[in-house]
């Protein structure tokens, strides 16, 4: 195994250990039975086939897709903080398309739903790209603010044009069977996982085996050097990276509607867009690593529900694990940079 991969795995192991230790200490200090809580966490996330196939893996699909998109954006120097809004844009359009395709062949209908979601996310990403290239508005600000716009639009849709026919619940009608992703028999795992894994491998090959992939990396590391030495159009790379990221977030929204919920409603996302940032950073933007970190965070979320149900521990306490993991990785990166440049004193 290459030294850098061994270091990455070691860092991930240490981060996970730190998170679990922090959780155990928190549980003990608050008067809960740490052993039973941790057991419920494991069984709910990874310890049973039902927990893995029907809870963890379905939750991992949007996290992996969003994480892959954010990895592309960050690698290309585009700080996309708007995956949450792009996810909602994709989910809204996917729902609208899916509800109108009841009589279509299933492969065609599902493909149109997913493409519609990806296209909606991409179009939503055009706004911050245009604002940055035309007016110099930082994408960190514009993408963050656009999250609230998307959430507001979804709230309007589920209480207005897309509200279910009886007008009782603030949600859309259920998608017809033709527009739903196929499930693995007896589980809630859908075909979106295969799509996410395929895209992860494809992005890994693109970034490491193609010239455009190298241009993406060079433009993200040092835009000035990329332009002066390589004549790389860094503005174009920035725009394409952010649009690809937005498209993948929109695809995640379409996959969530078509594969898991089958309906659009408020609070569809439990924060996938923001958790996706942690997923991408924990994996150091490596596409295959994003699959692993997406599974980890999905397992923690699934296990949190089981822990609350079976051990009476509030699910929100799993945030302690996630925070400890992220802080450990960030501190490790800071320490590594400090060892590499000791003369700077920072």
C-alpha atoms as a PDB file:
ATOM      1  CA  UNK A   1       0.000   0.000   0.000  1.00  0.00           C
ATOM      2  CA  UNK A   2       1.270   3.476  -0.871  1.00  0.00           C
ATOM      3  CA  UNK A   3       2.474   5.557   2.118  1.00  0.00           C
ATOM      4  CA  UNK A   4      -0.054   8.339   1.480  1.00  0.00           C
ATOM      5  CA  UNK A   5      -2.924   5.849   1.394  1.00  0.00           C
ATOM      6  CA  UNK A   6      -1.699   4.234   4.593  1.00  0.00           C
ATOM      7  CA  UNK A   7      -1.537   7.663   6.245  1.00  0.00           C
ATOM      8  CA  UNK A   8      -5.067   8.465   5.054  1.00  0.00           C
ATOM      9  CA  UNK A   9      -6.437   5.195   6.435  1.00  0.00           C
ATOM     10  CA  UNK A  10      -4.594   5.714   9.710  1.00  0.00           C
ATOM     11  CA  UNK A  11      -5.994   9.228  10.003  1.00  0.00           C
ATOM     12  CA  UNK A  12      -9.511   7.961   9.305  1.00  0.00           C
ATOM     13  CA  UNK A  13      -9.135   5.224  11.920  1.00  0.00           C
ATOM     14  CA  UNK A  14      -7.885   7.690  14.513  1.00  0.00           C
ATOM     15  CA  UNK A  15     -10.694  10.101  13.679  1.00  0.00           C
ATOM     16  CA  UNK A  16     -13.341   7.397  14.052  1.00  0.00           C
ATOM     17  CA  UNK A  17     -11.801   6.221  17.324  1.00  0.00           C
ATOM     18  CA  UNK A  18     -11.775   9.784  18.640  1.00  0.00           C
ATOM     19  CA  UNK A  19     -15.427  10.179  17.680  1.00  0.00           C
ATOM     20  CA  UNK A  20     -16.513   6.992  19.422  1.00  0.00           C
ATOM     21  CA  UNK A  21     -14.511   7.825  22.535  1.00  0.00           C
ATOM     22  CA  UNK A  22     -16.097  11.282  22.610  1.00  0.00           C
ATOM     23  CA  UNK A  23     -19.531   9.689  22.264  1.00  0.00           C
ATOM     24  CA  UNK A  24     -18.873   7.177  25.050  1.00  0.00           C
ATOM     25  CA  UNK A  25     -17.664   9.932  27.380  1.00  0.00           C
ATOM     26  CA  UNK A  26     -20.676  12.114  26.543  1.00  0.00           C
ATOM     27  CA  UNK A  27     -23.082   9.251  27.190  1.00  0.00           C
ATOM     28  CA  UNK A  28     -21.458   8.422  30.502  1.00  0.00           C
ATOM     29  CA  UNK A  29     -21.442  12.036  31.677  1.00  0.00           C
ATOM     30  CA  UNK A  30     -25.120  12.456  30.807  1.00  0.00           C
ATOM     31  CA  UNK A  31     -26.153   9.310  32.664  1.00  0.00           C
ATOM     32  CA  UNK A  32     -26.818   6.895  29.797  1.00  0.00           C
ATOM     33  CA  UNK A  33     -25.622   3.321  29.490  1.00  0.00           C
ATOM     34  CA  UNK A  34     -22.753   3.763  27.031  1.00  0.00           C
ATOM     35  CA  UNK A  35     -22.410   0.037  26.268  1.00  0.00           C
ATOM     36  CA  UNK A  36     -26.058  -0.484  25.283  1.00  0.00           C
ATOM     37  CA  UNK A  37     -26.138   2.781  23.342  1.00  0.00           C
ATOM     38  CA  UNK A  38     -23.025   1.939  21.327  1.00  0.00           C
ATOM     39  CA  UNK A  39     -24.370  -1.562  20.696  1.00  0.00           C
ATOM     40  CA  UNK A  40     -27.620  -0.105  19.341  1.00  0.00           C
ATOM     41  CA  UNK A  41     -25.618   2.337  17.216  1.00  0.00           C
ATOM     42  CA  UNK A  42     -23.617  -0.494  15.636  1.00  0.00           C
ATOM     43  CA  UNK A  43     -26.595  -2.790  15.069  1.00  0.00           C
ATOM     44  CA  UNK A  44     -28.693  -0.018  13.587  1.00  0.00           C
ATOM     45  CA  UNK A  45     -26.010   1.108  11.166  1.00  0.00           C
ATOM     46  CA  UNK A  46     -23.882  -1.855  10.162  1.00  0.00           C
ATOM     47  CA  UNK A  47     -24.456  -4.816  12.484  1.00  0.00           C
ATOM     48  CA  UNK A  48     -27.513  -6.339  10.786  1.00  0.00           C
ATOM     49  CA  UNK A  49     -28.451  -6.895   7.162  1.00  0.00           C
ATOM     50  CA  UNK A  50     -31.659  -4.926   7.676  1.00  0.00           C
ATOM     51  CA  UNK A  51     -29.806  -1.992   9.164  1.00  0.00           C
ATOM     52  CA  UNK A  52     -27.191  -2.016   6.418  1.00  0.00           C
ATOM     53  CA  UNK A  53     -29.436  -2.606   3.395  1.00  0.00           C
ATOM     54  CA  UNK A  54     -32.558  -0.734   4.452  1.00  0.00           C
ATOM     55  CA  UNK A  55     -31.164   2.126   6.535  1.00  0.00           C
ATOM     56  CA  UNK A  56     -27.478   2.838   5.936  1.00  0.00           C
ATOM     57  CA  UNK A  57     -27.079   2.255   2.207  1.00  0.00           C
ATOM     58  CA  UNK A  58     -30.197   4.226   1.134  1.00  0.00           C
ATOM     59  CA  UNK A  59     -28.999   7.159   3.267  1.00  0.00           C
ATOM     60  CA  UNK A  60     -25.544   6.880   1.740  1.00  0.00           C
ATOM     61  CA  UNK A  61     -26.722   7.430  -1.849  1.00  0.00           C
ATOM     62  CA  UNK A  62     -27.403  11.194  -1.586  1.00  0.00           C
ATOM     63  CA  UNK A  63     -24.356  11.703   0.633  1.00  0.00           C
ATOM     64  CA  UNK A  64     -22.059   9.995  -1.873  1.00  0.00           C
ATOM     65  CA  UNK A  65     -23.520  11.832  -4.874  1.00  0.00           C
ATOM     66  CA  UNK A  66     -23.336  15.206  -3.152  1.00  0.00           C
ATOM     67  CA  UNK A  67     -19.875  14.443  -1.778  1.00  0.00           C
ATOM     68  CA  UNK A  68     -18.614  13.524  -5.246  1.00  0.00           C
ATOM     69  CA  UNK A  69     -19.926  16.792  -6.635  1.00  0.00           C
ATOM     70  CA  UNK A  70     -18.404  18.847  -3.851  1.00  0.00           C
ATOM     71  CA  UNK A  71     -15.117  17.004  -4.311  1.00  0.00           C
ATOM     72  CA  UNK A  72     -15.057  18.076  -7.967  1.00  0.00           C
ATOM     73  CA  UNK A  73     -15.964  21.656  -7.052  1.00  0.00           C
ATOM     74  CA  UNK A  74     -13.392  22.001  -4.277  1.00  0.00           C
ATOM     75  CA  UNK A  75     -10.677  20.409  -6.390  1.00  0.00           C
ATOM     76  CA  UNK A  76     -11.383  22.952  -9.112  1.00  0.00           C
ATOM     77  CA  UNK A  77     -11.298  25.894  -6.711  1.00  0.00           C
ATOM     78  CA  UNK A  78     -15.072  26.420  -6.524  1.00  0.00           C
ATOM     79  CA  UNK A  79     -16.302  26.642  -2.937  1.00  0.00           C
ATOM     80  CA  UNK A  80     -19.835  25.375  -3.437  1.00  0.00           C
ATOM     81  CA  UNK A  81     -21.788  25.658  -0.177  1.00  0.00           C
ATOM     82  CA  UNK A  82     -25.128  25.391  -1.961  1.00  0.00           C
ATOM     83  CA  UNK A  83     -25.536  21.650  -2.428  1.00  0.00           C
ATOM     84  CA  UNK A  84     -28.549  21.711  -0.120  1.00  0.00           C
ATOM     85  CA  UNK A  85     -30.404  24.114  -2.386  1.00  0.00           C
ATOM     86  CA  UNK A  86     -29.280  22.299  -5.520  1.00  0.00           C
ATOM     87  CA  UNK A  87     -30.524  19.050  -3.984  1.00  0.00           C
ATOM     88  CA  UNK A  88     -33.949  20.628  -3.439  1.00  0.00           C
ATOM     89  CA  UNK A  89     -33.996  22.031  -6.971  1.00  0.00           C
ATOM     90  CA  UNK A  90     -33.339  18.557  -8.353  1.00  0.00           C
ATOM     91  CA  UNK A  91     -35.940  16.982  -6.082  1.00  0.00           C
ATOM     92  CA  UNK A  92     -38.606  19.502  -7.073  1.00  0.00           C
ATOM     93  CA  UNK A  93     -38.141  19.091 -10.814  1.00  0.00           C
ATOM     94  CA  UNK A  94     -37.777  15.308 -10.510  1.00  0.00           C
ATOM     95  CA  UNK A  95     -41.112  15.170  -8.691  1.00  0.00           C
ATOM     96  CA  UNK A  96     -42.849  17.289 -11.319  1.00  0.00           C
ATOM     97  CA  UNK A  97     -41.486  15.095 -14.118  1.00  0.00           C
ATOM     98  CA  UNK A  98     -42.182  11.826 -12.309  1.00  0.00           C
ATOM     99  CA  UNK A  99     -45.825  12.664 -11.602  1.00  0.00           C
ATOM    100  CA  UNK A 100     -46.464  13.109 -15.323  1.00  0.00           C
ATOM    101  CA  UNK A 101     -44.872   9.835 -16.487  1.00  0.00           C
ATOM    102  CA  UNK A 102     -47.204   7.228 -15.027  1.00  0.00           C
ATOM    103  CA  UNK A 103     -47.862   5.464 -18.334  1.00  0.00           C
ATOM    104  CA  UNK A 104     -44.269   5.483 -19.598  1.00  0.00           C
ATOM    105  CA  UNK A 105     -41.911   2.481 -19.667  1.00  0.00           C
ATOM    106  CA  UNK A 106     -40.087   2.304 -16.375  1.00  0.00           C
ATOM    107  CA  UNK A 107     -36.507   2.574 -17.680  1.00  0.00           C
ATOM    108  CA  UNK A 108     -37.403   5.667 -19.708  1.00  0.00           C
ATOM    109  CA  UNK A 109     -39.400   7.283 -16.914  1.00  0.00           C
ATOM    110  CA  UNK A 110     -36.709   6.717 -14.285  1.00  0.00           C
ATOM    111  CA  UNK A 111     -34.008   8.017 -16.614  1.00  0.00           C
ATOM    112  CA  UNK A 112     -36.019  11.179 -17.304  1.00  0.00           C
ATOM    113  CA  UNK A 113     -36.625  11.735 -13.593  1.00  0.00           C
ATOM    114  CA  UNK A 114     -32.926  11.452 -12.789  1.00  0.00           C
ATOM    115  CA  UNK A 115     -31.849  13.568 -15.750  1.00  0.00           C
ATOM    116  CA  UNK A 116     -34.428  16.170 -14.810  1.00  0.00           C
ATOM    117  CA  UNK A 117     -33.073  16.312 -11.277  1.00  0.00           C
ATOM    118  CA  UNK A 118     -29.480  16.641 -12.482  1.00  0.00           C
ATOM    119  CA  UNK A 119     -30.463  19.282 -15.025  1.00  0.00           C
ATOM    120  CA  UNK A 120     -32.352  21.304 -12.425  1.00  0.00           C
ATOM    121  CA  UNK A 121     -29.372  21.257 -10.061  1.00  0.00           C
ATOM    122  CA  UNK A 122     -27.060  22.323 -12.889  1.00  0.00           C
ATOM    123  CA  UNK A 123     -29.335  25.193 -13.901  1.00  0.00           C
ATOM    124  CA  UNK A 124     -29.561  26.319 -10.288  1.00  0.00           C
ATOM    125  CA  UNK A 125     -25.769  26.306 -10.204  1.00  0.00           C
ATOM    126  CA  UNK A 126     -25.689  28.711 -13.154  1.00  0.00           C
ATOM    127  CA  UNK A 127     -26.783  31.530 -10.855  1.00  0.00           C
ATOM    128  CA  UNK A 128     -23.668  31.613  -8.624  1.00  0.00           C
ATOM    129  CA  UNK A 129     -21.437  30.973 -11.645  1.00  0.00           C
ATOM    130  CA  UNK A 130     -22.888  33.990 -13.440  1.00  0.00           C
ATOM    131  CA  UNK A 131     -22.698  36.162 -10.323  1.00  0.00           C
ATOM    132  CA  UNK A 132     -19.041  35.244  -9.809  1.00  0.00           C
ATOM    133  CA  UNK A 133     -17.883  35.660 -13.402  1.00  0.00           C
ATOM    134  CA  UNK A 134     -19.968  38.754 -14.159  1.00  0.00           C
ATOM    135  CA  UNK A 135     -19.925  40.681 -10.885  1.00  0.00           C
ATOM    136  CA  UNK A 136     -17.238  38.995  -8.786  1.00  0.00           C
ATOM    137  CA  UNK A 137     -19.695  37.810  -6.116  1.00  0.00           C
ATOM    138  CA  UNK A 138     -18.024  35.084  -4.069  1.00  0.00           C
ATOM    139  CA  UNK A 139     -19.701  31.737  -4.639  1.00  0.00           C
ATOM    140  CA  UNK A 140     -19.439  30.968  -0.914  1.00  0.00           C
ATOM    141  CA  UNK A 141     -21.979  33.715  -0.253  1.00  0.00           C
ATOM    142  CA  UNK A 142     -24.252  33.234  -3.259  1.00  0.00           C
ATOM    143  CA  UNK A 143     -24.522  29.441  -3.003  1.00  0.00           C
ATOM    144  CA  UNK A 144     -25.196  29.637   0.733  1.00  0.00           C
ATOM    145  CA  UNK A 145     -27.986  32.182   0.315  1.00  0.00           C
ATOM    146  CA  UNK A 146     -29.537  30.272  -2.572  1.00  0.00           C
ATOM    147  CA  UNK A 147     -30.131  27.364  -0.192  1.00  0.00           C
ATOM    148  CA  UNK A 148     -32.840  29.398   1.529  1.00  0.00           C
ATOM    149  CA  UNK A 149     -34.404  30.379  -1.781  1.00  0.00           C
ATOM    150  CA  UNK A 150     -34.695  26.730  -2.838  1.00  0.00           C
ATOM    151  CA  UNK A 151     -36.195  25.699   0.499  1.00  0.00           C
ATOM    152  CA  UNK A 152     -38.753  28.506   0.203  1.00  0.00           C
ATOM    153  CA  UNK A 153     -39.727  27.445  -3.316  1.00  0.00           C
ATOM    154  CA  UNK A 154     -40.196  23.829  -2.216  1.00  0.00           C
ATOM    155  CA  UNK A 155     -42.359  25.001   0.684  1.00  0.00           C
ATOM    156  CA  UNK A 156     -44.547  26.894  -1.779  1.00  0.00           C
ATOM    157  CA  UNK A 157     -44.788  23.966  -4.201  1.00  0.00           C
ATOM    158  CA  UNK A 158     -45.873  21.391  -1.623  1.00  0.00           C
ATOM    159  CA  UNK A 159     -48.533  23.767  -0.310  1.00  0.00           C
ATOM    160  CA  UNK A 160     -49.625  24.893  -3.742  1.00  0.00           C
ATOM    161  CA  UNK A 161     -49.097  23.550  -7.284  1.00  0.00           C
ATOM    162  CA  UNK A 162     -47.671  20.163  -6.274  1.00  0.00           C
ATOM    163  CA  UNK A 163     -49.787  19.556  -3.173  1.00  0.00           C
ATOM    164  CA  UNK A 164     -51.360  16.098  -3.014  1.00  0.00           C
ATOM    165  CA  UNK A 165     -54.915  15.891  -4.463  1.00  0.00           C
ATOM    166  CA  UNK A 166     -56.772  15.841  -1.115  1.00  0.00           C
ATOM    167  CA  UNK A 167     -54.996  19.034   0.001  1.00  0.00           C
ATOM    168  CA  UNK A 168     -54.555  17.689   3.526  1.00  0.00           C
ATOM    169  CA  UNK A 169     -50.802  17.190   3.841  1.00  0.00           C
ATOM    170  CA  UNK A 170     -48.084  19.630   2.695  1.00  0.00           C
ATOM    171  CA  UNK A 171     -46.501  17.195   0.267  1.00  0.00           C
ATOM    172  CA  UNK A 172     -46.834  16.020  -3.306  1.00  0.00           C
ATOM    173  CA  UNK A 173     -48.689  12.942  -4.480  1.00  0.00           C
ATOM    174  CA  UNK A 174     -46.719   9.701  -4.576  1.00  0.00           C
ATOM    175  CA  UNK A 175     -44.750   9.028  -7.740  1.00  0.00           C
ATOM    176  CA  UNK A 176     -46.212   6.315  -9.981  1.00  0.00           C
ATOM    177  CA  UNK A 177     -44.405   2.981 -10.008  1.00  0.00           C
ATOM    178  CA  UNK A 178     -42.982   3.694 -13.469  1.00  0.00           C
ATOM    179  CA  UNK A 179     -40.979   6.635 -12.092  1.00  0.00           C
ATOM    180  CA  UNK A 180     -39.474   4.760  -9.124  1.00  0.00           C
ATOM    181  CA  UNK A 181     -35.999   3.291  -9.007  1.00  0.00           C
ATOM    182  CA  UNK A 182     -36.007  -0.525  -8.684  1.00  0.00           C
ATOM    183  CA  UNK A 183     -35.414  -1.906  -5.195  1.00  0.00           C
ATOM    184  CA  UNK A 184     -33.334  -4.844  -4.070  1.00  0.00           C
ATOM    185  CA  UNK A 185     -35.974  -7.417  -3.115  1.00  0.00           C
ATOM    186  CA  UNK A 186     -36.948  -7.249   0.545  1.00  0.00           C
ATOM    187  CA  UNK A 187     -34.943  -4.093   1.296  1.00  0.00           C
ATOM    188  CA  UNK A 188     -35.098  -0.333   0.796  1.00  0.00           C
ATOM    189  CA  UNK A 189     -31.823  -0.328  -1.146  1.00  0.00           C
ATOM    190  CA  UNK A 190     -32.399   1.050  -4.635  1.00  0.00           C
ATOM    191  CA  UNK A 191     -30.479   1.247  -7.888  1.00  0.00           C
ATOM    192  CA  UNK A 192     -29.191   4.685  -6.986  1.00  0.00           C
ATOM    193  CA  UNK A 193     -26.342   3.028  -5.071  1.00  0.00           C
ATOM    194  CA  UNK A 194     -25.071   1.362  -8.250  1.00  0.00           C
ATOM    195  CA  UNK A 195     -25.274   4.740  -9.987  1.00  0.00           C
ATOM    196  CA  UNK A 196     -23.313   6.422  -7.183  1.00  0.00           C
ATOM    197  CA  UNK A 197     -20.579   3.781  -7.241  1.00  0.00           C
ATOM    198  CA  UNK A 198     -20.301   3.989 -11.038  1.00  0.00           C
ATOM    199  CA  UNK A 199     -19.945   7.753 -10.893  1.00  0.00           C
ATOM    200  CA  UNK A 200     -17.312   7.482  -8.156  1.00  0.00           C
ATOM    201  CA  UNK A 201     -15.165   5.201 -10.306  1.00  0.00           C
ATOM    202  CA  UNK A 202     -15.747   7.393 -13.359  1.00  0.00           C
ATOM    203  CA  UNK A 203     -14.721  10.570 -11.548  1.00  0.00           C
ATOM    204  CA  UNK A 204     -11.654   8.830 -10.107  1.00  0.00           C
ATOM    205  CA  UNK A 205     -10.545   7.818 -13.614  1.00  0.00           C
ATOM    206  CA  UNK A 206     -11.318  11.286 -14.968  1.00  0.00           C
ATOM    207  CA  UNK A 207      -9.312  13.100 -12.313  1.00  0.00           C
ATOM    208  CA  UNK A 208      -6.272  10.835 -12.485  1.00  0.00           C
ATOM    209  CA  UNK A 209      -6.121   9.601 -16.051  1.00  0.00           C
ATOM    210  CA  UNK A 210      -7.277  12.477 -18.253  1.00  0.00           C
ATOM    211  CA  UNK A 211      -5.922  15.851 -19.288  1.00  0.00           C
ATOM    212  CA  UNK A 212      -9.082  17.745 -18.227  1.00  0.00           C
ATOM    213  CA  UNK A 213      -8.770  16.066 -14.842  1.00  0.00           C
ATOM    214  CA  UNK A 214      -5.234  17.391 -14.474  1.00  0.00           C
ATOM    215  CA  UNK A 215      -6.440  20.841 -15.554  1.00  0.00           C
ATOM    216  CA  UNK A 216      -9.088  20.693 -12.838  1.00  0.00           C
ATOM    217  CA  UNK A 217      -6.441  19.875 -10.232  1.00  0.00           C
ATOM    218  CA  UNK A 218      -3.985  22.515 -11.459  1.00  0.00           C
ATOM    219  CA  UNK A 219      -6.591  25.264 -11.562  1.00  0.00           C
ATOM    220  CA  UNK A 220      -7.674  24.453  -8.028  1.00  0.00           C
ATOM    221  CA  UNK A 221      -4.169  24.296  -6.534  1.00  0.00           C
ATOM    222  CA  UNK A 222      -2.846  27.514  -8.064  1.00  0.00           C
ATOM    223  CA  UNK A 223      -5.008  29.363 -10.609  1.00  0.00           C
ATOM    224  CA  UNK A 224      -2.311  31.922 -11.431  1.00  0.00           C
ATOM    225  CA  UNK A 225       0.338  29.283 -12.159  1.00  0.00           C
ATOM    226  CA  UNK A 226      -2.165  27.211 -14.123  1.00  0.00           C
ATOM    227  CA  UNK A 227      -2.852  30.182 -16.396  1.00  0.00           C
ATOM    228  CA  UNK A 228       0.718  31.460 -16.728  1.00  0.00           C
ATOM    229  CA  UNK A 229       2.479  28.102 -17.140  1.00  0.00           C
ATOM    230  CA  UNK A 230      -0.221  25.959 -18.692  1.00  0.00           C
ATOM    231  CA  UNK A 231      -2.525  28.484 -20.348  1.00  0.00           C
ATOM    232  CA  UNK A 232      -5.436  26.845 -18.538  1.00  0.00           C
ATOM    233  CA  UNK A 233      -8.614  28.905 -18.640  1.00  0.00           C
ATOM    234  CA  UNK A 234      -9.219  28.895 -14.906  1.00  0.00           C
ATOM    235  CA  UNK A 235     -12.522  30.785 -15.198  1.00  0.00           C
ATOM    236  CA  UNK A 236     -13.870  28.052 -17.451  1.00  0.00           C
ATOM    237  CA  UNK A 237     -12.576  25.322 -15.138  1.00  0.00           C
ATOM    238  CA  UNK A 238     -14.184  27.071 -12.166  1.00  0.00           C
ATOM    239  CA  UNK A 239     -17.527  27.326 -13.949  1.00  0.00           C
ATOM    240  CA  UNK A 240     -17.543  23.718 -15.127  1.00  0.00           C
ATOM    241  CA  UNK A 241     -16.498  22.415 -11.707  1.00  0.00           C
ATOM    242  CA  UNK A 242     -19.271  24.283  -9.925  1.00  0.00           C
ATOM    243  CA  UNK A 243     -21.861  23.261 -12.530  1.00  0.00           C
ATOM    244  CA  UNK A 244     -20.835  19.609 -12.319  1.00  0.00           C
ATOM    245  CA  UNK A 245     -21.101  19.795  -8.537  1.00  0.00           C
ATOM    246  CA  UNK A 246     -24.560  21.359  -8.739  1.00  0.00           C
ATOM    247  CA  UNK A 247     -25.671  18.747 -11.262  1.00  0.00           C
ATOM    248  CA  UNK A 248     -24.607  15.897  -8.993  1.00  0.00           C
ATOM    249  CA  UNK A 249     -26.432  17.487  -6.046  1.00  0.00           C
ATOM    250  CA  UNK A 250     -29.548  17.770  -8.218  1.00  0.00           C
ATOM    251  CA  UNK A 251     -29.115  14.141  -9.232  1.00  0.00           C
ATOM    252  CA  UNK A 252     -29.014  13.247  -5.538  1.00  0.00           C
ATOM    253  CA  UNK A 253     -32.349  15.013  -5.119  1.00  0.00           C
ATOM    254  CA  UNK A 254     -33.848  13.094  -8.027  1.00  0.00           C
ATOM    255  CA  UNK A 255     -32.530   9.790  -6.700  1.00  0.00           C
ATOM    256  CA  UNK A 256     -33.942  10.505  -3.239  1.00  0.00           C
ATOM    257  CA  UNK A 257     -37.391  11.183  -4.689  1.00  0.00           C
ATOM    258  CA  UNK A 258     -37.326   8.260  -7.121  1.00  0.00           C
ATOM    259  CA  UNK A 259     -35.657   5.749  -4.820  1.00  0.00           C
ATOM    260  CA  UNK A 260     -36.563   6.506  -1.203  1.00  0.00           C
ATOM    261  CA  UNK A 261     -39.394   8.933  -0.444  1.00  0.00           C
ATOM    262  CA  UNK A 262     -41.473   8.811  -3.679  1.00  0.00           C
ATOM    263  CA  UNK A 263     -42.912  12.197  -2.718  1.00  0.00           C
ATOM    264  CA  UNK A 264     -41.740  15.770  -2.227  1.00  0.00           C
ATOM    265  CA  UNK A 265     -42.242  17.447   1.138  1.00  0.00           C
ATOM    266  CA  UNK A 266     -40.729  20.088   3.368  1.00  0.00           C
ATOM    267  CA  UNK A 267     -37.553  19.101   5.184  1.00  0.00           C
ATOM    268  CA  UNK A 268     -36.924  16.356   2.631  1.00  0.00           C
ATOM    269  CA  UNK A 269     -33.223  16.687   3.348  1.00  0.00           C
ATOM    270  CA  UNK A 270     -31.936  16.199   6.902  1.00  0.00           C
ATOM    271  CA  UNK A 271     -28.965  18.357   5.927  1.00  0.00           C
ATOM    272  CA  UNK A 272     -27.494  16.206   3.155  1.00  0.00           C
ATOM    273  CA  UNK A 273     -25.958  19.232   1.465  1.00  0.00           C
ATOM    274  CA  UNK A 274     -24.012  20.279   4.539  1.00  0.00           C
ATOM    275  CA  UNK A 275     -23.099  16.764   5.653  1.00  0.00           C
ATOM    276  CA  UNK A 276     -21.798  16.227   2.113  1.00  0.00           C
ATOM    277  CA  UNK A 277     -19.152  18.867   2.793  1.00  0.00           C
ATOM    278  CA  UNK A 278     -17.863  16.806   5.711  1.00  0.00           C
ATOM    279  CA  UNK A 279     -18.041  13.659   3.563  1.00  0.00           C
ATOM    280  CA  UNK A 280     -15.876  15.230   0.865  1.00  0.00           C
ATOM    281  CA  UNK A 281     -13.360  16.786   3.249  1.00  0.00           C
ATOM    282  CA  UNK A 282     -12.998  13.642   5.346  1.00  0.00           C
ATOM    283  CA  UNK A 283     -12.097  11.732   2.176  1.00  0.00           C
ATOM    284  CA  UNK A 284      -9.655  14.491   1.148  1.00  0.00           C
ATOM    285  CA  UNK A 285     -11.721  14.861  -2.047  1.00  0.00           C
ATOM    286  CA  UNK A 286     -10.764  11.361  -3.231  1.00  0.00           C
ATOM    287  CA  UNK A 287     -13.770   9.952  -5.146  1.00  0.00           C
ATOM    288  CA  UNK A 288     -13.392   6.418  -3.805  1.00  0.00           C
ATOM    289  CA  UNK A 289     -12.719   7.738  -0.334  1.00  0.00           C
ATOM    290  CA  UNK A 290     -15.959   9.710  -0.585  1.00  0.00           C
ATOM    291  CA  UNK A 291     -17.819   6.412  -0.972  1.00  0.00           C
ATOM    292  CA  UNK A 292     -16.294   5.185   2.290  1.00  0.00           C
ATOM    293  CA  UNK A 293     -16.917   8.414   4.207  1.00  0.00           C
ATOM    294  CA  UNK A 294     -20.463   8.612   2.830  1.00  0.00           C
ATOM    295  CA  UNK A 295     -21.133   5.120   4.134  1.00  0.00           C
ATOM    296  CA  UNK A 296     -19.635   6.073   7.502  1.00  0.00           C
ATOM    297  CA  UNK A 297     -21.821   9.141   7.964  1.00  0.00           C
ATOM    298  CA  UNK A 298     -24.890   7.305   6.686  1.00  0.00           C
ATOM    299  CA  UNK A 299     -24.230   4.480   9.147  1.00  0.00           C
ATOM    300  CA  UNK A 300     -23.918   6.958  11.995  1.00  0.00           C
ATOM    301  CA  UNK A 301     -27.234   8.578  11.049  1.00  0.00           C
ATOM    302  CA  UNK A 302     -28.967   5.205  10.715  1.00  0.00           C
ATOM    303  CA  UNK A 303     -27.462   3.994  13.977  1.00  0.00           C
ATOM    304  CA  UNK A 304     -28.565   7.200  15.701  1.00  0.00           C
ATOM    305  CA  UNK A 305     -32.182   6.356  14.980  1.00  0.00           C
ATOM    306  CA  UNK A 306     -31.744   2.849  16.341  1.00  0.00           C
ATOM    307  CA  UNK A 307     -29.944   4.199  19.391  1.00  0.00           C
ATOM    308  CA  UNK A 308     -32.828   6.536  20.170  1.00  0.00           C
ATOM    309  CA  UNK A 309     -35.397   3.808  19.565  1.00  0.00           C
ATOM    310  CA  UNK A 310     -33.684   0.953  21.417  1.00  0.00           C
ATOM    311  CA  UNK A 311     -31.568   2.678  24.078  1.00  0.00           C
ATOM    312  CA  UNK A 312     -33.529   5.879  24.686  1.00  0.00           C
ATOM    313  CA  UNK A 313     -30.576   8.080  23.723  1.00  0.00           C
ATOM    314  CA  UNK A 314     -31.411  11.230  21.700  1.00  0.00           C
ATOM    315  CA  UNK A 315     -30.266  10.757  18.111  1.00  0.00           C
ATOM    316  CA  UNK A 316     -28.759  14.224  18.025  1.00  0.00           C
ATOM    317  CA  UNK A 317     -25.916  13.084  20.287  1.00  0.00           C
ATOM    318  CA  UNK A 318     -24.342  11.334  17.278  1.00  0.00           C
ATOM    319  CA  UNK A 319     -23.388  14.818  16.160  1.00  0.00           C
ATOM    320  CA  UNK A 320     -20.672  14.517  18.809  1.00  0.00           C
ATOM    321  CA  UNK A 321     -19.107  11.674  16.827  1.00  0.00           C
ATOM    322  CA  UNK A 322     -19.328  13.547  13.549  1.00  0.00           C
ATOM    323  CA  UNK A 323     -17.836  16.701  15.055  1.00  0.00           C
ATOM    324  CA  UNK A 324     -14.992  14.778  16.717  1.00  0.00           C
ATOM    325  CA  UNK A 325     -14.190  12.996  13.440  1.00  0.00           C
ATOM    326  CA  UNK A 326     -14.049  16.244  11.477  1.00  0.00           C
ATOM    327  CA  UNK A 327     -11.994  18.070  14.110  1.00  0.00           C
ATOM    328  CA  UNK A 328      -9.510  15.194  14.341  1.00  0.00           C
ATOM    329  CA  UNK A 329      -9.001  15.192  10.573  1.00  0.00           C
ATOM    330  CA  UNK A 330      -8.594  18.982  10.461  1.00  0.00           C
ATOM    331  CA  UNK A 331      -6.100  18.940  13.323  1.00  0.00           C
ATOM    332  CA  UNK A 332      -4.184  16.138  11.616  1.00  0.00           C
ATOM    333  CA  UNK A 333      -4.000  18.104   8.372  1.00  0.00           C
ATOM    334  CA  UNK A 334      -2.848  21.211  10.233  1.00  0.00           C
ATOM    335  CA  UNK A 335      -0.133  19.222  12.007  1.00  0.00           C
ATOM    336  CA  UNK A 336       1.043  17.727   8.709  1.00  0.00           C
ATOM    337  CA  UNK A 337       1.322  21.147   7.092  1.00  0.00           C
ATOM    338  CA  UNK A 338       3.207  22.452  10.084  1.00  0.00           C
ATOM    339  CA  UNK A 339       5.764  19.611   9.844  1.00  0.00           C
ATOM    340  CA  UNK A 340       6.222  20.267   6.128  1.00  0.00           C
ATOM    341  CA  UNK A 341       6.850  23.986   6.600  1.00  0.00           C
ATOM    342  CA  UNK A 342       8.420  24.424  10.049  1.00  0.00           C
ATOM    343  CA  UNK A 343      10.178  27.639   9.070  1.00  0.00           C
ATOM    344  CA  UNK A 344       6.939  29.571   8.623  1.00  0.00           C
ATOM    345  CA  UNK A 345       6.022  29.377  12.282  1.00  0.00           C
ATOM    346  CA  UNK A 346       2.320  28.998  11.460  1.00  0.00           C
END
